[in-house]
Amino acid sequence: MCASGGKVAFSVESLQEQFLVVEVSDTGSGIPSSPQILNEEIASTRVGRLGIVGVKCLMDRFTIQSEPGIGTRLILGCHLP
C-alpha cells in the first residue's frame, strides 16, 4: 500500500469547549477494512497499522474514513484546557 497526495490541516474549534483539530488525508490506496484495523489484535499483526491504533488512544476525538482506491481521511481532536 502506498499513500500519495497527503495533506495535514490544523484548526481550533471553539463551541462549548476548545479542541485542536487535525485533519490528515491522502489519495492513496485506502484501507480496505478500516473498522477492523482499530481492533488491537488485528493491528498488532500488521506493524503499519499500529500508528492508527496509538493515535486513537491519544486523542479525545477520532474519526477515520477510508475507501479502497480513493484514500484515507483522519480527523483527530485534542481537548484544549
PDB file of N, CA and C in Angstrom:
ATOM      1  N   MET A   1       0.834  -1.180   0.000  1.00  0.00           N
ATOM      2  CA  MET A   1       0.000   0.000   0.000  1.00  0.00           C
ATOM      3  C   MET A   1       0.876   1.240   0.000  1.00  0.00           C
ATOM      4  N   CYS A   2       0.414   2.232  -0.693  1.00  0.00           N
ATOM      5  CA  CYS A   2       1.197   3.452  -0.808  1.00  0.00           C
ATOM      6  C   CYS A   2       0.258   4.649  -0.772  1.00  0.00           C
ATOM      7  N   ALA A   3       0.635   5.658  -0.022  1.00  0.00           N
ATOM      8  CA  ALA A   3      -0.158   6.877   0.050  1.00  0.00           C
ATOM      9  C   ALA A   3       0.498   7.949  -0.802  1.00  0.00           C
ATOM     10  N   SER A   4      -0.331   8.816  -1.354  1.00  0.00           N
ATOM     11  CA  SER A   4       0.195   9.949  -2.116  1.00  0.00           C
ATOM     12  C   SER A   4      -0.749  11.130  -1.929  1.00  0.00           C
ATOM     13  N   GLY A   5      -0.301  12.298  -2.325  1.00  0.00           N
ATOM     14  CA  GLY A   5      -1.142  13.481  -2.236  1.00  0.00           C
ATOM     15  C   GLY A   5      -1.609  13.794  -0.830  1.00  0.00           C
ATOM     16  N   GLY A   6      -0.745  13.606   0.150  1.00  0.00           N
ATOM     17  CA  GLY A   6      -1.134  13.807   1.541  1.00  0.00           C
ATOM     18  C   GLY A   6      -1.234  15.266   1.938  1.00  0.00           C
ATOM     19  N   LYS A   7      -2.157  15.550   2.874  1.00  0.00           N
ATOM     20  CA  LYS A   7      -2.329  16.893   3.420  1.00  0.00           C
ATOM     21  C   LYS A   7      -2.582  16.793   4.922  1.00  0.00           C
ATOM     22  N   VAL A   8      -2.160  17.832   5.630  1.00  0.00           N
ATOM     23  CA  VAL A   8      -2.456  17.958   7.048  1.00  0.00           C
ATOM     24  C   VAL A   8      -2.973  19.374   7.271  1.00  0.00           C
ATOM     25  N   ALA A   9      -4.098  19.493   7.961  1.00  0.00           N
ATOM     26  CA  ALA A   9      -4.668  20.803   8.267  1.00  0.00           C
ATOM     27  C   ALA A   9      -4.945  20.889   9.764  1.00  0.00           C
ATOM     28  N   PHE A  10      -4.638  22.039  10.350  1.00  0.00           N
ATOM     29  CA  PHE A  10      -4.845  22.285  11.777  1.00  0.00           C
ATOM     30  C   PHE A  10      -5.870  23.396  11.954  1.00  0.00           C
ATOM     31  N   SER A  11      -6.731  23.237  12.947  1.00  0.00           N
ATOM     32  CA  SER A  11      -7.676  24.307  13.264  1.00  0.00           C
ATOM     33  C   SER A  11      -8.037  24.204  14.748  1.00  0.00           C
ATOM     34  N   VAL A  12      -8.643  25.263  15.257  1.00  0.00           N
ATOM     35  CA  VAL A  12      -9.132  25.267  16.632  1.00  0.00           C
ATOM     36  C   VAL A  12     -10.640  25.426  16.566  1.00  0.00           C
ATOM     37  N   GLU A  13     -11.324  24.498  17.190  1.00  0.00           N
ATOM     38  CA  GLU A  13     -12.778  24.511  17.239  1.00  0.00           C
ATOM     39  C   GLU A  13     -13.195  25.006  18.608  1.00  0.00           C
ATOM     40  N   SER A  14     -14.070  25.976  18.640  1.00  0.00           N
ATOM     41  CA  SER A  14     -14.473  26.541  19.921  1.00  0.00           C
ATOM     42  C   SER A  14     -15.987  26.648  19.986  1.00  0.00           C
ATOM     43  N   LEU A  15     -16.631  25.589  20.420  1.00  0.00           N
ATOM     44  CA  LEU A  15     -18.072  25.620  20.619  1.00  0.00           C
ATOM     45  C   LEU A  15     -18.308  25.744  22.126  1.00  0.00           C
ATOM     46  N   GLN A  16     -18.588  24.653  22.804  1.00  0.00           N
ATOM     47  CA  GLN A  16     -18.700  24.695  24.252  1.00  0.00           C
ATOM     48  C   GLN A  16     -17.323  24.550  24.884  1.00  0.00           C
ATOM     49  N   GLU A  17     -16.459  23.776  24.244  1.00  0.00           N
ATOM     50  CA  GLU A  17     -15.085  23.565  24.695  1.00  0.00           C
ATOM     51  C   GLU A  17     -14.165  23.811  23.504  1.00  0.00           C
ATOM     52  N   GLN A  18     -12.884  24.044  23.780  1.00  0.00           N
ATOM     53  CA  GLN A  18     -11.934  24.234  22.695  1.00  0.00           C
ATOM     54  C   GLN A  18     -11.215  22.931  22.378  1.00  0.00           C
ATOM     55  N   PHE A  19     -11.078  22.660  21.103  1.00  0.00           N
ATOM     56  CA  PHE A  19     -10.362  21.487  20.625  1.00  0.00           C
ATOM     57  C   PHE A  19      -9.377  21.900  19.551  1.00  0.00           C
ATOM     58  N   LEU A  20      -8.197  21.316  19.602  1.00  0.00           N
ATOM     59  CA  LEU A  20      -7.275  21.388  18.481  1.00  0.00           C
ATOM     60  C   LEU A  20      -7.695  20.260  17.556  1.00  0.00           C
ATOM     61  N   VAL A  21      -8.040  20.600  16.318  1.00  0.00           N
ATOM     62  CA  VAL A  21      -8.500  19.609  15.348  1.00  0.00           C
ATOM     63  C   VAL A  21      -7.426  19.457  14.278  1.00  0.00           C
ATOM     64  N   VAL A  22      -7.057  18.209  14.011  1.00  0.00           N
ATOM     65  CA  VAL A  22      -6.063  17.891  12.991  1.00  0.00           C
ATOM     66  C   VAL A  22      -6.730  16.980  11.976  1.00  0.00           C
ATOM     67  N   GLU A  23      -6.687  17.377  10.706  1.00  0.00           N
ATOM     68  CA  GLU A  23      -7.233  16.550   9.641  1.00  0.00           C
ATOM     69  C   GLU A  23      -6.087  16.092   8.748  1.00  0.00           C
ATOM     70  N   VAL A  24      -5.946  14.791   8.618  1.00  0.00           N
ATOM     71  CA  VAL A  24      -4.885  14.193   7.812  1.00  0.00           C
ATOM     72  C   VAL A  24      -5.560  13.405   6.700  1.00  0.00           C
ATOM     73  N   SER A  25      -5.173  13.670   5.451  1.00  0.00           N
ATOM     74  CA  SER A  25      -5.793  12.952   4.339  1.00  0.00           C
ATOM     75  C   SER A  25      -4.761  12.633   3.271  1.00  0.00           C
ATOM     76  N   ASP A  26      -5.078  11.597   2.494  1.00  0.00           N
ATOM     77  CA  ASP A  26      -4.228  11.244   1.360  1.00  0.00           C
ATOM     78  C   ASP A  26      -5.103  10.700   0.236  1.00  0.00           C
ATOM     79  N   THR A  27      -4.504  10.563  -0.914  1.00  0.00           N
ATOM     80  CA  THR A  27      -5.202   9.998  -2.065  1.00  0.00           C
ATOM     81  C   THR A  27      -4.554   8.680  -2.455  1.00  0.00           C
ATOM     82  N   GLY A  28      -4.221   7.889  -1.469  1.00  0.00           N
ATOM     83  CA  GLY A  28      -3.543   6.613  -1.694  1.00  0.00           C
ATOM     84  C   GLY A  28      -4.505   5.472  -1.942  1.00  0.00           C
ATOM     85  N   SER A  29      -4.053   4.284  -1.625  1.00  0.00           N
ATOM     86  CA  SER A  29      -4.820   3.070  -1.916  1.00  0.00           C
ATOM     87  C   SER A  29      -5.978   2.837  -0.948  1.00  0.00           C
ATOM     88  N   GLY A  30      -6.027   3.598   0.136  1.00  0.00           N
ATOM     89  CA  GLY A  30      -7.093   3.423   1.120  1.00  0.00           C
ATOM     90  C   GLY A  30      -6.838   2.226   2.009  1.00  0.00           C
ATOM     91  N   ILE A  31      -7.699   2.047   2.987  1.00  0.00           N
ATOM     92  CA  ILE A  31      -7.580   0.927   3.920  1.00  0.00           C
ATOM     93  C   ILE A  31      -8.832   0.072   3.719  1.00  0.00           C
ATOM     94  N   PRO A  32      -8.687  -1.151   3.233  1.00  0.00           N
ATOM     95  CA  PRO A  32      -9.843  -1.974   2.887  1.00  0.00           C
ATOM     96  C   PRO A  32     -10.833  -2.208   4.030  1.00  0.00           C
ATOM     97  N   SER A  33     -10.380  -2.369   5.264  1.00  0.00           N
ATOM     98  CA  SER A  33     -11.294  -2.665   6.374  1.00  0.00           C
ATOM     99  C   SER A  33     -10.951  -1.773   7.560  1.00  0.00           C
ATOM    100  N   SER A  34     -11.162  -0.461   7.423  1.00  0.00           N
ATOM    101  CA  SER A  34     -10.747   0.477   8.472  1.00  0.00           C
ATOM    102  C   SER A  34     -11.364   0.200   9.838  1.00  0.00           C
ATOM    103  N   PRO A  35     -12.636  -0.234   9.979  1.00  0.00           N
ATOM    104  CA  PRO A  35     -13.128  -0.535  11.332  1.00  0.00           C
ATOM    105  C   PRO A  35     -12.354  -1.681  11.977  1.00  0.00           C
ATOM    106  N   GLN A  36     -11.941  -2.664  11.188  1.00  0.00           N
ATOM    107  CA  GLN A  36     -11.237  -3.811  11.750  1.00  0.00           C
ATOM    108  C   GLN A  36      -9.831  -3.468  12.201  1.00  0.00           C
ATOM    109  N   ILE A  37      -9.171  -2.470  11.584  1.00  0.00           N
ATOM    110  CA  ILE A  37      -7.792  -2.169  11.989  1.00  0.00           C
ATOM    111  C   ILE A  37      -7.741  -1.542  13.367  1.00  0.00           C
ATOM    112  N   LEU A  38      -8.869  -1.034  13.841  1.00  0.00           N
ATOM    113  CA  LEU A  38      -8.891  -0.449  15.178  1.00  0.00           C
ATOM    114  C   LEU A  38      -8.941  -1.527  16.256  1.00  0.00           C
ATOM    115  N   ASN A  39      -9.177  -2.757  15.859  1.00  0.00           N
ATOM    116  CA  ASN A  39      -9.117  -3.901  16.768  1.00  0.00           C
ATOM    117  C   ASN A  39      -7.637  -4.158  17.046  1.00  0.00           C
ATOM    118  N   GLU A  40      -7.220  -4.035  18.285  1.00  0.00           N
ATOM    119  CA  GLU A  40      -5.800  -4.125  18.641  1.00  0.00           C
ATOM    120  C   GLU A  40      -5.167  -5.458  18.272  1.00  0.00           C
ATOM    121  N   GLU A  41      -5.942  -6.554  18.296  1.00  0.00           N
ATOM    122  CA  GLU A  41      -5.374  -7.852  17.931  1.00  0.00           C
ATOM    123  C   GLU A  41      -4.974  -7.880  16.468  1.00  0.00           C
ATOM    124  N   ILE A  42      -5.822  -7.340  15.610  1.00  0.00           N
ATOM    125  CA  ILE A  42      -5.508  -7.287  14.184  1.00  0.00           C
ATOM    126  C   ILE A  42      -4.354  -6.319  13.958  1.00  0.00           C
ATOM    127  N   ALA A  43      -4.392  -5.165  14.619  1.00  0.00           N
ATOM    128  CA  ALA A  43      -3.348  -4.152  14.422  1.00  0.00           C
ATOM    129  C   ALA A  43      -1.980  -4.678  14.833  1.00  0.00           C
ATOM    130  N   SER A  44      -1.924  -5.493  15.890  1.00  0.00           N
ATOM    131  CA  SER A  44      -0.624  -5.966  16.364  1.00  0.00           C
ATOM    132  C   SER A  44       0.037  -6.915  15.373  1.00  0.00           C
ATOM    133  N   THR A  45      -0.738  -7.483  14.460  1.00  0.00           N
ATOM    134  CA  THR A  45      -0.156  -8.369  13.455  1.00  0.00           C
ATOM    135  C   THR A  45       0.296  -7.604  12.219  1.00  0.00           C
ATOM    136  N   ARG A  46      -0.050  -6.344  12.130  1.00  0.00           N
ATOM    137  CA  ARG A  46       0.312  -5.510  10.986  1.00  0.00           C
ATOM    138  C   ARG A  46       0.984  -4.248  11.500  1.00  0.00           C
ATOM    139  N   VAL A  47       2.283  -4.213  11.418  1.00  0.00           N
ATOM    140  CA  VAL A  47       3.057  -3.123  12.005  1.00  0.00           C
ATOM    141  C   VAL A  47       2.608  -1.763  11.481  1.00  0.00           C
ATOM    142  N   GLY A  48       2.251  -1.652  10.232  1.00  0.00           N
ATOM    143  CA  GLY A  48       1.836  -0.378   9.658  1.00  0.00           C
ATOM    144  C   GLY A  48       0.573   0.188  10.258  1.00  0.00           C
ATOM    145  N   ARG A  49      -0.231  -0.639  10.899  1.00  0.00           N
ATOM    146  CA  ARG A  49      -1.499  -0.182  11.477  1.00  0.00           C
ATOM    147  C   ARG A  49      -1.369   0.217  12.942  1.00  0.00           C
ATOM    148  N   LEU A  50      -0.255  -0.066  13.567  1.00  0.00           N
ATOM    149  CA  LEU A  50      -0.092   0.259  14.989  1.00  0.00           C
ATOM    150  C   LEU A  50      -0.208   1.756  15.242  1.00  0.00           C
ATOM    151  N   GLY A  51       0.248   2.570  14.314  1.00  0.00           N
ATOM    152  CA  GLY A  51       0.192   4.023  14.482  1.00  0.00           C
ATOM    153  C   GLY A  51      -1.227   4.535  14.599  1.00  0.00           C
ATOM    154  N   ILE A  52      -2.139   4.000  13.808  1.00  0.00           N
ATOM    155  CA  ILE A  52      -3.533   4.442  13.844  1.00  0.00           C
ATOM    156  C   ILE A  52      -4.156   4.088  15.193  1.00  0.00           C
ATOM    157  N   VAL A  53      -3.896   2.902  15.693  1.00  0.00           N
ATOM    158  CA  VAL A  53      -4.433   2.493  16.995  1.00  0.00           C
ATOM    159  C   VAL A  53      -3.855   3.386  18.098  1.00  0.00           C
ATOM    160  N   GLY A  54      -2.563   3.682  18.019  1.00  0.00           N
ATOM    161  CA  GLY A  54      -1.922   4.554  19.009  1.00  0.00           C
ATOM    162  C   GLY A  54      -2.497   5.957  19.004  1.00  0.00           C
ATOM    163  N   VAL A  55      -2.715   6.509  17.817  1.00  0.00           N
ATOM    164  CA  VAL A  55      -3.297   7.855  17.699  1.00  0.00           C
ATOM    165  C   VAL A  55      -4.697   7.869  18.292  1.00  0.00           C
ATOM    166  N   LYS A  56      -5.487   6.837  18.026  1.00  0.00           N
ATOM    167  CA  LYS A  56      -6.847   6.777  18.577  1.00  0.00           C
ATOM    168  C   LYS A  56      -6.822   6.821  20.103  1.00  0.00           C
ATOM    169  N   CYS A  57      -5.858   6.135  20.704  1.00  0.00           N
ATOM    170  CA  CYS A  57      -5.749   6.111  22.172  1.00  0.00           C
ATOM    171  C   CYS A  57      -5.352   7.468  22.747  1.00  0.00           C
ATOM    172  N   LEU A  58      -4.574   8.241  22.003  1.00  0.00           N
ATOM    173  CA  LEU A  58      -4.064   9.525  22.498  1.00  0.00           C
ATOM    174  C   LEU A  58      -5.031  10.692  22.307  1.00  0.00           C
ATOM    175  N   MET A  59      -5.971  10.581  21.384  1.00  0.00           N
ATOM    176  CA  MET A  59      -6.849  11.693  21.043  1.00  0.00           C
ATOM    177  C   MET A  59      -8.176  11.622  21.785  1.00  0.00           C
ATOM    178  N   ASP A  60      -8.777  12.783  21.988  1.00  0.00           N
ATOM    179  CA  ASP A  60     -10.103  12.854  22.597  1.00  0.00           C
ATOM    180  C   ASP A  60     -11.197  12.603  21.561  1.00  0.00           C
ATOM    181  N   ARG A  61     -10.897  12.884  20.309  1.00  0.00           N
ATOM    182  CA  ARG A  61     -11.813  12.618  19.191  1.00  0.00           C
ATOM    183  C   ARG A  61     -11.030  11.895  18.109  1.00  0.00           C
ATOM    184  N   PHE A  62     -11.692  10.953  17.439  1.00  0.00           N
ATOM    185  CA  PHE A  62     -11.027  10.193  16.386  1.00  0.00           C
ATOM    186  C   PHE A  62     -12.072   9.722  15.393  1.00  0.00           C
ATOM    187  N   THR A  63     -11.869  10.072  14.132  1.00  0.00           N
ATOM    188  CA  THR A  63     -12.730   9.597  13.060  1.00  0.00           C
ATOM    189  C   THR A  63     -11.849   9.155  11.907  1.00  0.00           C
ATOM    190  N   ILE A  64     -12.168   8.009  11.320  1.00  0.00           N
ATOM    191  CA  ILE A  64     -11.441   7.549  10.140  1.00  0.00           C
ATOM    192  C   ILE A  64     -12.448   7.253   9.036  1.00  0.00           C
ATOM    193  N   GLN A  65     -12.127   7.745   7.845  1.00  0.00           N
ATOM    194  CA  GLN A  65     -12.913   7.462   6.654  1.00  0.00           C
ATOM    195  C   GLN A  65     -11.923   6.973   5.613  1.00  0.00           C
ATOM    196  N   SER A  66     -12.188   5.812   5.034  1.00  0.00           N
ATOM    197  CA  SER A  66     -11.262   5.274   4.049  1.00  0.00           C
ATOM    198  C   SER A  66     -12.014   4.478   3.004  1.00  0.00           C
ATOM    199  N   GLU A  67     -11.631   4.682   1.757  1.00  0.00           N
ATOM    200  CA  GLU A  67     -12.205   3.920   0.658  1.00  0.00           C
ATOM    201  C   GLU A  67     -11.077   3.383  -0.196  1.00  0.00           C
ATOM    202  N   PRO A  68     -11.066   2.065  -0.427  1.00  0.00           N
ATOM    203  CA  PRO A  68     -10.017   1.493  -1.266  1.00  0.00           C
ATOM    204  C   PRO A  68      -9.956   2.174  -2.634  1.00  0.00           C
ATOM    205  N   GLY A  69      -8.766   2.539  -3.034  1.00  0.00           N
ATOM    206  CA  GLY A  69      -8.553   3.187  -4.317  1.00  0.00           C
ATOM    207  C   GLY A  69      -8.799   4.685  -4.321  1.00  0.00           C
ATOM    208  N   ILE A  70      -9.343   5.231  -3.234  1.00  0.00           N
ATOM    209  CA  ILE A  70      -9.639   6.669  -3.168  1.00  0.00           C
ATOM    210  C   ILE A  70      -8.755   7.373  -2.158  1.00  0.00           C
ATOM    211  N   GLY A  71      -8.580   6.794  -0.978  1.00  0.00           N
ATOM    212  CA  GLY A  71      -7.721   7.396   0.033  1.00  0.00           C
ATOM    213  C   GLY A  71      -8.286   7.294   1.427  1.00  0.00           C
ATOM    214  N   THR A  72      -7.603   7.943   2.345  1.00  0.00           N
ATOM    215  CA  THR A  72      -7.958   7.868   3.762  1.00  0.00           C
ATOM    216  C   THR A  72      -7.980   9.269   4.352  1.00  0.00           C
ATOM    217  N   ARG A  73      -8.902   9.490   5.276  1.00  0.00           N
ATOM    218  CA  ARG A  73      -9.020  10.781   5.967  1.00  0.00           C
ATOM    219  C   ARG A  73      -9.185  10.503   7.453  1.00  0.00           C
ATOM    220  N   LEU A  74      -8.310  11.094   8.251  1.00  0.00           N
ATOM    221  CA  LEU A  74      -8.399  11.011   9.710  1.00  0.00           C
ATOM    222  C   LEU A  74      -8.740  12.394  10.239  1.00  0.00           C
ATOM    223  N   ILE A  75      -9.689  12.459  11.169  1.00  0.00           N
ATOM    224  CA  ILE A  75      -9.996  13.710  11.855  1.00  0.00           C
ATOM    225  C   ILE A  75      -9.742  13.447  13.334  1.00  0.00           C
ATOM    226  N   LEU A  76      -8.814  14.194  13.893  1.00  0.00           N
ATOM    227  CA  LEU A  76      -8.373  13.994  15.264  1.00  0.00           C
ATOM    228  C   LEU A  76      -8.655  15.254  16.071  1.00  0.00           C
ATOM    229  N   GLY A  77      -9.042  15.089  17.307  1.00  0.00           N
ATOM    230  CA  GLY A  77      -9.295  16.239  18.158  1.00  0.00           C
ATOM    231  C   GLY A  77      -8.678  16.053  19.533  1.00  0.00           C
ATOM    232  N   CYS A  78      -8.068  17.111  20.018  1.00  0.00           N
ATOM    233  CA  CYS A  78      -7.457  17.098  21.337  1.00  0.00           C
ATOM    234  C   CYS A  78      -8.010  18.274  22.139  1.00  0.00           C
ATOM    235  N   HIS A  79      -8.589  17.962  23.289  1.00  0.00           N
ATOM    236  CA  HIS A  79      -9.194  18.990  24.145  1.00  0.00           C
ATOM    237  C   HIS A  79      -8.127  19.982  24.606  1.00  0.00           C
ATOM    238  N   LEU A  80      -8.422  21.254  24.490  1.00  0.00           N
ATOM    239  CA  LEU A  80      -7.515  22.300  24.970  1.00  0.00           C
ATOM    240  C   LEU A  80      -8.032  22.829  26.293  1.00  0.00           C
ATOM    241  N   PRO A  81      -7.157  22.961  27.286  1.00  0.00           N
ATOM    242  CA  PRO A  81      -7.610  23.468  28.589  1.00  0.00           C
ATOM    243  C   PRO A  81      -7.971  24.941  28.517  1.00  0.00           C
TER     244      PRO A  81
END
